[in-house]
Amino acid sequence: PMDALLFAPVAVAIALTPGPNNFCGLNNGIRAGVGAAMFATIGRAAAFAIFLTISAVGLGAMLLASEAAFTGVKWVGAAYLFWLGWRAWNSREFGGLDLLEGGDAAATPAHRAAVPSWRALAAQEFLLGITNPKAIILFAAIFPQFIDPAQPAARQFLVLGSVYLLAEFVSTAVYATCGRQ
């Protein structure tokens, strides 16, 4: 319990660090609203839960030790980010940030049709999360510092992992709300 309390501010600070998932949350907040962005974070949390499990069974350290595997994950993530950027750049709505210019683009039928479903937003968050090497480093390198070897590791990973996943939802709330403003 004490380690979780010590870990909570670290988790929030790490979760608030700008990165692909936070920019995705910001974008979702702008395009679809805070509620949709918060729901989409379920995808990110699912991806990070997979990394938590990998880290808990020791495979995270193995992945970090394999430069080829880690580099592969980084390149897949970079390619996915490029694809998302390309798709956003070529979308019909790219030039129409009427929300920032005082218009109410969210109320137009064309804008509503252009906003992906909440499920699609969650899938996008999952793909960003699962290809995010920062998450691998976090769970494989930082988590063990908060694990007490005298206590059952599985329970500690569960508690610390839950704290971190909650921090990701806090981060999304901040970024999506800022995006909506």
C-alpha atoms as a PDB file:
ATOM      1  CA  PRO A   1       0.000   0.000   0.000  1.00  0.00           C
ATOM      2  CA  MET A   2       2.773   2.454   0.870  1.00  0.00           C
ATOM      3  CA  ASP A   3       4.567   1.774  -2.389  1.00  0.00           C
ATOM      4  CA  ALA A   4       1.323   2.485  -4.275  1.00  0.00           C
ATOM      5  CA  LEU A   5       1.033   5.849  -2.517  1.00  0.00           C
ATOM      6  CA  LEU A   6       4.609   6.673  -3.433  1.00  0.00           C
ATOM      7  CA  PHE A   7       4.028   5.461  -6.974  1.00  0.00           C
ATOM      8  CA  ALA A   8       0.822   7.459  -7.594  1.00  0.00           C
ATOM      9  CA  PRO A   9       2.464  10.873  -8.210  1.00  0.00           C
ATOM     10  CA  VAL A  10       5.138   9.216 -10.346  1.00  0.00           C
ATOM     11  CA  ALA A  11       2.417   7.452 -12.356  1.00  0.00           C
ATOM     12  CA  VAL A  12       0.488  10.692 -12.920  1.00  0.00           C
ATOM     13  CA  ALA A  13       3.649  12.552 -13.947  1.00  0.00           C
ATOM     14  CA  ILE A  14       4.585   9.799 -16.412  1.00  0.00           C
ATOM     15  CA  ALA A  15       1.026   9.526 -17.745  1.00  0.00           C
ATOM     16  CA  LEU A  16       0.845  13.307 -18.320  1.00  0.00           C
ATOM     17  CA  THR A  17       4.059  13.303 -20.354  1.00  0.00           C
ATOM     18  CA  PRO A  18       3.278  14.297 -23.955  1.00  0.00           C
ATOM     19  CA  GLY A  19       3.299  11.328 -26.285  1.00  0.00           C
ATOM     20  CA  PRO A  20       1.278   9.596 -28.985  1.00  0.00           C
ATOM     21  CA  ASN A  21      -1.549   8.441 -26.715  1.00  0.00           C
ATOM     22  CA  ASN A  22      -1.934  11.828 -25.043  1.00  0.00           C
ATOM     23  CA  PHE A  23      -1.999  13.593 -28.406  1.00  0.00           C
ATOM     24  CA  CYS A  24      -4.593  11.050 -29.500  1.00  0.00           C
ATOM     25  CA  GLY A  25      -6.643  11.909 -26.383  1.00  0.00           C
ATOM     26  CA  LEU A  26      -6.262  15.613 -27.207  1.00  0.00           C
ATOM     27  CA  ASN A  27      -7.394  14.978 -30.784  1.00  0.00           C
ATOM     28  CA  ASN A  28     -10.315  12.861 -29.598  1.00  0.00           C
ATOM     29  CA  GLY A  29     -11.308  15.627 -27.198  1.00  0.00           C
ATOM     30  CA  ILE A  30     -11.256  18.161 -30.034  1.00  0.00           C
ATOM     31  CA  ARG A  31     -13.117  16.002 -32.549  1.00  0.00           C
ATOM     32  CA  ALA A  32     -15.461  13.862 -30.476  1.00  0.00           C
ATOM     33  CA  GLY A  33     -15.616  15.373 -26.991  1.00  0.00           C
ATOM     34  CA  VAL A  34     -14.306  14.499 -23.559  1.00  0.00           C
ATOM     35  CA  GLY A  35     -16.699  11.572 -23.042  1.00  0.00           C
ATOM     36  CA  ALA A  36     -15.604   9.867 -26.243  1.00  0.00           C
ATOM     37  CA  ALA A  37     -11.933  10.469 -25.407  1.00  0.00           C
ATOM     38  CA  MET A  38     -12.419   8.976 -21.940  1.00  0.00           C
ATOM     39  CA  PHE A  39     -14.169   5.929 -23.394  1.00  0.00           C
ATOM     40  CA  ALA A  40     -11.403   5.523 -25.993  1.00  0.00           C
ATOM     41  CA  THR A  41      -8.863   5.343 -23.172  1.00  0.00           C
ATOM     42  CA  ILE A  42     -10.188   1.848 -22.509  1.00  0.00           C
ATOM     43  CA  GLY A  43      -8.212   0.827 -25.609  1.00  0.00           C
ATOM     44  CA  ARG A  44      -5.024   2.367 -24.225  1.00  0.00           C
ATOM     45  CA  ALA A  45      -5.632   0.758 -20.840  1.00  0.00           C
ATOM     46  CA  ALA A  46      -6.115  -2.647 -22.486  1.00  0.00           C
ATOM     47  CA  ALA A  47      -2.808  -2.304 -24.357  1.00  0.00           C
ATOM     48  CA  PHE A  48      -1.005  -1.216 -21.212  1.00  0.00           C
ATOM     49  CA  ALA A  49      -2.605  -4.072 -19.247  1.00  0.00           C
ATOM     50  CA  ILE A  50      -0.997  -6.456 -21.744  1.00  0.00           C
ATOM     51  CA  PHE A  51       2.384  -4.799 -21.102  1.00  0.00           C
ATOM     52  CA  LEU A  52       1.763  -5.032 -17.366  1.00  0.00           C
ATOM     53  CA  THR A  53       1.166  -8.750 -17.691  1.00  0.00           C
ATOM     54  CA  ILE A  54       4.276  -9.170 -19.842  1.00  0.00           C
ATOM     55  CA  SER A  55       6.307  -7.233 -17.298  1.00  0.00           C
ATOM     56  CA  ALA A  56       4.880  -9.179 -14.371  1.00  0.00           C
ATOM     57  CA  VAL A  57       5.979 -12.484 -15.870  1.00  0.00           C
ATOM     58  CA  GLY A  58       9.430 -11.126 -16.674  1.00  0.00           C
ATOM     59  CA  LEU A  59       9.103 -10.934 -20.434  1.00  0.00           C
ATOM     60  CA  GLY A  60       9.395  -7.132 -20.428  1.00  0.00           C
ATOM     61  CA  ALA A  61      13.023  -7.330 -19.340  1.00  0.00           C
ATOM     62  CA  MET A  62      13.623  -9.934 -22.031  1.00  0.00           C
ATOM     63  CA  LEU A  63      12.070  -7.652 -24.672  1.00  0.00           C
ATOM     64  CA  LEU A  64      14.236  -4.754 -23.492  1.00  0.00           C
ATOM     65  CA  ALA A  65      17.281  -7.018 -23.676  1.00  0.00           C
ATOM     66  CA  SER A  66      16.482  -7.920 -27.287  1.00  0.00           C
ATOM     67  CA  GLU A  67      17.454  -4.884 -29.286  1.00  0.00           C
ATOM     68  CA  ALA A  68      15.915  -6.335 -32.458  1.00  0.00           C
ATOM     69  CA  ALA A  69      12.524  -6.959 -30.811  1.00  0.00           C
ATOM     70  CA  PHE A  70      12.468  -3.529 -29.172  1.00  0.00           C
ATOM     71  CA  THR A  71      13.492  -1.820 -32.418  1.00  0.00           C
ATOM     72  CA  GLY A  72      10.784  -3.749 -34.251  1.00  0.00           C
ATOM     73  CA  VAL A  73       8.118  -2.504 -31.848  1.00  0.00           C
ATOM     74  CA  LYS A  74       9.407   1.067 -32.218  1.00  0.00           C
ATOM     75  CA  TRP A  75       9.266   0.905 -36.038  1.00  0.00           C
ATOM     76  CA  VAL A  76       5.778  -0.581 -36.060  1.00  0.00           C
ATOM     77  CA  GLY A  77       4.678   2.232 -33.742  1.00  0.00           C
ATOM     78  CA  ALA A  78       6.341   4.872 -35.911  1.00  0.00           C
ATOM     79  CA  ALA A  79       4.703   3.467 -39.048  1.00  0.00           C
ATOM     80  CA  TYR A  80       1.297   3.471 -37.368  1.00  0.00           C
ATOM     81  CA  LEU A  81       1.758   7.091 -36.248  1.00  0.00           C
ATOM     82  CA  PHE A  82       2.778   8.068 -39.778  1.00  0.00           C
ATOM     83  CA  TRP A  83      -0.300   6.330 -41.181  1.00  0.00           C
ATOM     84  CA  LEU A  84      -2.581   8.106 -38.675  1.00  0.00           C
ATOM     85  CA  GLY A  85      -1.003  11.450 -39.507  1.00  0.00           C
ATOM     86  CA  TRP A  86      -1.317  10.829 -43.238  1.00  0.00           C
ATOM     87  CA  ARG A  87      -4.944   9.838 -42.844  1.00  0.00           C
ATOM     88  CA  ALA A  88      -5.705  12.933 -40.739  1.00  0.00           C
ATOM     89  CA  TRP A  89      -3.871  15.190 -43.199  1.00  0.00           C
ATOM     90  CA  ASN A  90      -5.884  13.833 -46.129  1.00  0.00           C
ATOM     91  CA  SER A  91      -9.238  13.809 -44.344  1.00  0.00           C
ATOM     92  CA  ARG A  92     -12.025  16.146 -45.411  1.00  0.00           C
ATOM     93  CA  GLU A  93     -12.202  17.770 -42.002  1.00  0.00           C
ATOM     94  CA  PHE A  94      -8.477  18.612 -41.717  1.00  0.00           C
ATOM     95  CA  GLY A  95      -8.906  22.195 -42.883  1.00  0.00           C
ATOM     96  CA  GLY A  96     -12.154  22.800 -41.060  1.00  0.00           C
ATOM     97  CA  LEU A  97     -11.295  23.522 -37.463  1.00  0.00           C
ATOM     98  CA  ASP A  98     -14.405  25.663 -37.177  1.00  0.00           C
ATOM     99  CA  LEU A  99     -14.550  24.922 -33.461  1.00  0.00           C
ATOM    100  CA  LEU A 100     -11.413  26.990 -32.969  1.00  0.00           C
ATOM    101  CA  GLU A 101     -12.776  29.807 -35.098  1.00  0.00           C
ATOM    102  CA  GLY A 102     -15.996  30.202 -33.139  1.00  0.00           C
ATOM    103  CA  GLY A 103     -18.173  28.043 -35.414  1.00  0.00           C
ATOM    104  CA  ASP A 104     -20.114  25.046 -34.234  1.00  0.00           C
ATOM    105  CA  ALA A 105     -18.723  22.351 -36.506  1.00  0.00           C
ATOM    106  CA  ALA A 106     -19.789  19.664 -34.056  1.00  0.00           C
ATOM    107  CA  ALA A 107     -23.426  20.492 -34.786  1.00  0.00           C
ATOM    108  CA  THR A 108     -23.188  20.011 -38.546  1.00  0.00           C
ATOM    109  CA  PRO A 109     -24.224  16.668 -40.025  1.00  0.00           C
ATOM    110  CA  ALA A 110     -20.992  16.512 -42.053  1.00  0.00           C
ATOM    111  CA  HIS A 111     -18.869  16.825 -38.917  1.00  0.00           C
ATOM    112  CA  ARG A 112     -20.889  14.228 -37.015  1.00  0.00           C
ATOM    113  CA  ALA A 113     -20.448  11.799 -39.909  1.00  0.00           C
ATOM    114  CA  ALA A 114     -16.676  12.444 -39.960  1.00  0.00           C
ATOM    115  CA  VAL A 115     -16.168  11.670 -36.263  1.00  0.00           C
ATOM    116  CA  PRO A 116     -15.253   8.007 -35.771  1.00  0.00           C
ATOM    117  CA  SER A 117     -17.327   5.832 -33.472  1.00  0.00           C
ATOM    118  CA  TRP A 118     -16.266   5.495 -29.840  1.00  0.00           C
ATOM    119  CA  ARG A 119     -15.321   1.903 -30.608  1.00  0.00           C
ATOM    120  CA  ALA A 120     -13.057   3.023 -33.472  1.00  0.00           C
ATOM    121  CA  LEU A 121     -11.448   5.610 -31.178  1.00  0.00           C
ATOM    122  CA  ALA A 122     -10.795   2.901 -28.562  1.00  0.00           C
ATOM    123  CA  ALA A 123      -9.255   0.657 -31.242  1.00  0.00           C
ATOM    124  CA  GLN A 124      -7.010   3.513 -32.323  1.00  0.00           C
ATOM    125  CA  GLU A 125      -5.914   4.107 -28.710  1.00  0.00           C
ATOM    126  CA  PHE A 126      -5.198   0.379 -28.353  1.00  0.00           C
ATOM    127  CA  LEU A 127      -3.025   0.309 -31.474  1.00  0.00           C
ATOM    128  CA  LEU A 128      -1.129   3.404 -30.334  1.00  0.00           C
ATOM    129  CA  GLY A 129      -0.663   1.942 -26.867  1.00  0.00           C
ATOM    130  CA  ILE A 130       0.468  -1.500 -27.979  1.00  0.00           C
ATOM    131  CA  THR A 131       3.098   0.003 -30.302  1.00  0.00           C
ATOM    132  CA  ASN A 132       4.333   2.560 -27.743  1.00  0.00           C
ATOM    133  CA  PRO A 133       7.846   1.621 -26.558  1.00  0.00           C
ATOM    134  CA  LYS A 134       7.518   4.074 -23.636  1.00  0.00           C
ATOM    135  CA  ALA A 135       5.036   1.681 -22.062  1.00  0.00           C
ATOM    136  CA  ILE A 136       7.427  -1.258 -22.350  1.00  0.00           C
ATOM    137  CA  ILE A 137      10.188   0.746 -20.668  1.00  0.00           C
ATOM    138  CA  LEU A 138       7.828   1.969 -17.957  1.00  0.00           C
ATOM    139  CA  PHE A 139       6.576  -1.437 -16.955  1.00  0.00           C
ATOM    140  CA  ALA A 140       9.889  -3.259 -17.335  1.00  0.00           C
ATOM    141  CA  ALA A 141      12.191  -0.641 -15.810  1.00  0.00           C
ATOM    142  CA  ILE A 142      10.225   1.606 -13.445  1.00  0.00           C
ATOM    143  CA  PHE A 143       7.736  -0.826 -11.897  1.00  0.00           C
ATOM    144  CA  PRO A 144      10.366  -3.086 -10.319  1.00  0.00           C
ATOM    145  CA  GLN A 145      11.665  -0.106  -8.312  1.00  0.00           C
ATOM    146  CA  PHE A 146       8.336  -0.028  -6.472  1.00  0.00           C
ATOM    147  CA  ILE A 147       8.086  -3.783  -5.909  1.00  0.00           C
ATOM    148  CA  ASP A 148       8.929  -5.029  -2.431  1.00  0.00           C
ATOM    149  CA  PRO A 149      10.692  -8.405  -2.846  1.00  0.00           C
ATOM    150  CA  ALA A 150       9.413  -9.489   0.572  1.00  0.00           C
ATOM    151  CA  GLN A 151       5.779  -9.261  -0.617  1.00  0.00           C
ATOM    152  CA  PRO A 152       3.905 -11.277  -3.269  1.00  0.00           C
ATOM    153  CA  ALA A 153       4.841  -9.737  -6.632  1.00  0.00           C
ATOM    154  CA  ALA A 154       1.572 -10.503  -8.424  1.00  0.00           C
ATOM    155  CA  ARG A 155      -0.504  -8.486  -5.954  1.00  0.00           C
ATOM    156  CA  GLN A 156       1.931  -5.576  -6.138  1.00  0.00           C
ATOM    157  CA  PHE A 157       1.871  -5.557  -9.940  1.00  0.00           C
ATOM    158  CA  LEU A 158      -1.921  -5.579  -9.792  1.00  0.00           C
ATOM    159  CA  VAL A 159      -2.052  -2.627  -7.382  1.00  0.00           C
ATOM    160  CA  LEU A 160       0.666  -0.592  -9.111  1.00  0.00           C
ATOM    161  CA  GLY A 161      -0.772  -1.422 -12.516  1.00  0.00           C
ATOM    162  CA  SER A 162      -4.222  -0.279 -11.428  1.00  0.00           C
ATOM    163  CA  VAL A 163      -2.746   2.962 -10.104  1.00  0.00           C
ATOM    164  CA  TYR A 164      -0.971   3.535 -13.413  1.00  0.00           C
ATOM    165  CA  LEU A 165      -4.040   2.754 -15.530  1.00  0.00           C
ATOM    166  CA  LEU A 166      -6.071   5.176 -13.406  1.00  0.00           C
ATOM    167  CA  ALA A 167      -3.353   7.783 -14.018  1.00  0.00           C
ATOM    168  CA  GLU A 168      -3.827   7.255 -17.772  1.00  0.00           C
ATOM    169  CA  PHE A 169      -7.529   8.102 -17.413  1.00  0.00           C
ATOM    170  CA  VAL A 170      -6.586  11.246 -15.447  1.00  0.00           C
ATOM    171  CA  SER A 171      -4.164  12.166 -18.219  1.00  0.00           C
ATOM    172  CA  THR A 172      -6.824  11.670 -20.890  1.00  0.00           C
ATOM    173  CA  ALA A 173      -9.249  13.836 -18.917  1.00  0.00           C
ATOM    174  CA  VAL A 174      -6.662  16.637 -18.820  1.00  0.00           C
ATOM    175  CA  TYR A 175      -5.677  16.383 -22.492  1.00  0.00           C
ATOM    176  CA  ALA A 176      -9.229  15.900 -23.812  1.00  0.00           C
ATOM    177  CA  THR A 177     -10.551  18.803 -21.741  1.00  0.00           C
ATOM    178  CA  CYS A 178      -7.731  21.015 -22.998  1.00  0.00           C
ATOM    179  CA  GLY A 179      -8.532  19.889 -26.524  1.00  0.00           C
ATOM    180  CA  ARG A 180     -12.178  20.728 -26.091  1.00  0.00           C
ATOM    181  CA  GLN A 181     -11.279  24.220 -24.883  1.00  0.00           C
END
